[in-house]
């Protein structure tokens, strides 16, 4: 869902809500965290997006070799699109 544009749009608030529910159920669901960060950026909430991206970075380091590995449910939850993470980090001013 990580899109190319970051203009405020009518989809950002529902995306933020849906991704927030996913993260509440599964805190290591990194793609949901990326979607939360994107929605926050679209809503102009840059500092909160930075905090979410920092949390993704912290969790990905803690997950170590489990990141982007495994099979089934765990592989889905622990997948991290590194390119999207880096792009959002740049847009949020982290890099």
C-alpha atoms as a PDB file:
ATOM      1  CA  UNK A   1       0.000   0.000   0.000  1.00  0.00           C
ATOM      2  CA  UNK A   2       2.996   2.280   0.325  1.00  0.00           C
ATOM      3  CA  UNK A   3       2.186   4.728  -2.466  1.00  0.00           C
ATOM      4  CA  UNK A   4       4.148   7.228  -4.482  1.00  0.00           C
ATOM      5  CA  UNK A   5       2.328  10.396  -3.398  1.00  0.00           C
ATOM      6  CA  UNK A   6       1.935  11.926   0.012  1.00  0.00           C
ATOM      7  CA  UNK A   7      -0.765  14.496  -0.521  1.00  0.00           C
ATOM      8  CA  UNK A   8      -3.467  14.366   2.114  1.00  0.00           C
ATOM      9  CA  UNK A   9      -6.213  12.118   0.863  1.00  0.00           C
ATOM     10  CA  UNK A  10      -9.424  10.536   2.018  1.00  0.00           C
ATOM     11  CA  UNK A  11      -7.769   7.135   2.389  1.00  0.00           C
ATOM     12  CA  UNK A  12      -5.118   8.127   4.929  1.00  0.00           C
ATOM     13  CA  UNK A  13      -7.345   8.188   8.025  1.00  0.00           C
ATOM     14  CA  UNK A  14      -8.950   4.771   7.360  1.00  0.00           C
ATOM     15  CA  UNK A  15      -5.510   3.342   6.539  1.00  0.00           C
ATOM     16  CA  UNK A  16      -4.152   4.700   9.815  1.00  0.00           C
ATOM     17  CA  UNK A  17      -7.043   3.131  11.721  1.00  0.00           C
ATOM     18  CA  UNK A  18      -6.754  -0.260  10.005  1.00  0.00           C
ATOM     19  CA  UNK A  19      -2.970  -0.432  10.350  1.00  0.00           C
ATOM     20  CA  UNK A  20      -3.261   0.634  13.998  1.00  0.00           C
ATOM     21  CA  UNK A  21      -5.631  -2.239  14.720  1.00  0.00           C
ATOM     22  CA  UNK A  22      -3.251  -4.680  13.023  1.00  0.00           C
ATOM     23  CA  UNK A  23      -0.306  -3.398  15.081  1.00  0.00           C
ATOM     24  CA  UNK A  24      -2.363  -3.627  18.278  1.00  0.00           C
ATOM     25  CA  UNK A  25      -2.971  -7.309  17.552  1.00  0.00           C
ATOM     26  CA  UNK A  26       0.543  -8.086  16.333  1.00  0.00           C
ATOM     27  CA  UNK A  27       3.154  -5.485  17.393  1.00  0.00           C
ATOM     28  CA  UNK A  28       5.858  -7.011  15.162  1.00  0.00           C
ATOM     29  CA  UNK A  29       3.704  -6.728  12.012  1.00  0.00           C
ATOM     30  CA  UNK A  30       6.207  -4.505  10.234  1.00  0.00           C
ATOM     31  CA  UNK A  31       4.242  -3.926   7.015  1.00  0.00           C
ATOM     32  CA  UNK A  32       1.318  -2.602   9.073  1.00  0.00           C
ATOM     33  CA  UNK A  33       3.763  -0.268  10.813  1.00  0.00           C
ATOM     34  CA  UNK A  34       5.007   0.925   7.408  1.00  0.00           C
ATOM     35  CA  UNK A  35       1.426   1.602   6.368  1.00  0.00           C
ATOM     36  CA  UNK A  36       0.855   3.505   9.619  1.00  0.00           C
ATOM     37  CA  UNK A  37       3.924   5.640   8.916  1.00  0.00           C
ATOM     38  CA  UNK A  38       2.730   6.360   5.380  1.00  0.00           C
ATOM     39  CA  UNK A  39      -0.727   7.344   6.593  1.00  0.00           C
ATOM     40  CA  UNK A  40       0.767   9.623   9.237  1.00  0.00           C
ATOM     41  CA  UNK A  41       2.887  11.332   6.578  1.00  0.00           C
ATOM     42  CA  UNK A  42      -0.149  11.787   4.337  1.00  0.00           C
ATOM     43  CA  UNK A  43      -1.987  13.372   7.244  1.00  0.00           C
ATOM     44  CA  UNK A  44       0.894  15.769   7.865  1.00  0.00           C
ATOM     45  CA  UNK A  45       1.803  14.125  11.180  1.00  0.00           C
ATOM     46  CA  UNK A  46       5.518  13.949  10.454  1.00  0.00           C
ATOM     47  CA  UNK A  47       6.785  13.551  14.025  1.00  0.00           C
ATOM     48  CA  UNK A  48       4.472  10.601  14.670  1.00  0.00           C
ATOM     49  CA  UNK A  49       5.595   9.060  11.362  1.00  0.00           C
ATOM     50  CA  UNK A  50       9.207   9.449  12.487  1.00  0.00           C
ATOM     51  CA  UNK A  51       8.416   7.734  15.769  1.00  0.00           C
ATOM     52  CA  UNK A  52       6.737   4.841  13.942  1.00  0.00           C
ATOM     53  CA  UNK A  53       9.678   4.500  11.552  1.00  0.00           C
ATOM     54  CA  UNK A  54      12.095   4.545  14.484  1.00  0.00           C
ATOM     55  CA  UNK A  55      10.072   1.773  16.100  1.00  0.00           C
ATOM     56  CA  UNK A  56      10.268  -0.252  12.877  1.00  0.00           C
ATOM     57  CA  UNK A  57      14.036   0.192  12.892  1.00  0.00           C
ATOM     58  CA  UNK A  58      14.268  -0.858  16.527  1.00  0.00           C
ATOM     59  CA  UNK A  59      12.080  -3.915  16.011  1.00  0.00           C
ATOM     60  CA  UNK A  60      13.874  -4.986  12.837  1.00  0.00           C
ATOM     61  CA  UNK A  61      17.205  -4.903  14.681  1.00  0.00           C
ATOM     62  CA  UNK A  62      15.749  -6.879  17.572  1.00  0.00           C
ATOM     63  CA  UNK A  63      14.289  -9.471  15.197  1.00  0.00           C
ATOM     64  CA  UNK A  64      17.702  -9.997  13.587  1.00  0.00           C
ATOM     65  CA  UNK A  65      17.850 -13.153  11.480  1.00  0.00           C
ATOM     66  CA  UNK A  66      14.116 -13.775  11.921  1.00  0.00           C
ATOM     67  CA  UNK A  67      13.415 -10.722   9.748  1.00  0.00           C
ATOM     68  CA  UNK A  68      12.301 -11.668   6.209  1.00  0.00           C
ATOM     69  CA  UNK A  69      12.649 -15.373   6.953  1.00  0.00           C
ATOM     70  CA  UNK A  70      10.590 -18.306   8.097  1.00  0.00           C
ATOM     71  CA  UNK A  71       7.390 -19.526   6.543  1.00  0.00           C
ATOM     72  CA  UNK A  72       3.668 -19.052   6.809  1.00  0.00           C
ATOM     73  CA  UNK A  73       2.303 -16.609   9.334  1.00  0.00           C
ATOM     74  CA  UNK A  74       5.661 -15.670  10.831  1.00  0.00           C
ATOM     75  CA  UNK A  75       7.144 -14.881   7.401  1.00  0.00           C
ATOM     76  CA  UNK A  76       4.159 -12.664   6.604  1.00  0.00           C
ATOM     77  CA  UNK A  77       4.304 -10.764   9.897  1.00  0.00           C
ATOM     78  CA  UNK A  78       8.094 -10.364   9.973  1.00  0.00           C
ATOM     79  CA  UNK A  79       8.493  -9.252   6.364  1.00  0.00           C
ATOM     80  CA  UNK A  80      10.015  -5.808   5.905  1.00  0.00           C
ATOM     81  CA  UNK A  81      10.113  -3.992   2.591  1.00  0.00           C
ATOM     82  CA  UNK A  82      13.474  -2.346   3.182  1.00  0.00           C
ATOM     83  CA  UNK A  83      13.163  -0.081   0.105  1.00  0.00           C
ATOM     84  CA  UNK A  84       9.799   1.269   1.292  1.00  0.00           C
ATOM     85  CA  UNK A  85      11.200   1.745   4.797  1.00  0.00           C
ATOM     86  CA  UNK A  86      14.170   3.709   3.458  1.00  0.00           C
ATOM     87  CA  UNK A  87      11.972   5.830   1.172  1.00  0.00           C
ATOM     88  CA  UNK A  88       9.535   6.691   3.960  1.00  0.00           C
ATOM     89  CA  UNK A  89      12.422   7.437   6.307  1.00  0.00           C
ATOM     90  CA  UNK A  90      13.825   9.925   3.788  1.00  0.00           C
ATOM     91  CA  UNK A  91      10.419  11.563   3.319  1.00  0.00           C
ATOM     92  CA  UNK A  92      10.006  11.822   7.092  1.00  0.00           C
ATOM     93  CA  UNK A  93      13.441  13.397   7.416  1.00  0.00           C
ATOM     94  CA  UNK A  94      15.117  10.543   9.292  1.00  0.00           C
ATOM     95  CA  UNK A  95      17.905  10.011   6.745  1.00  0.00           C
END
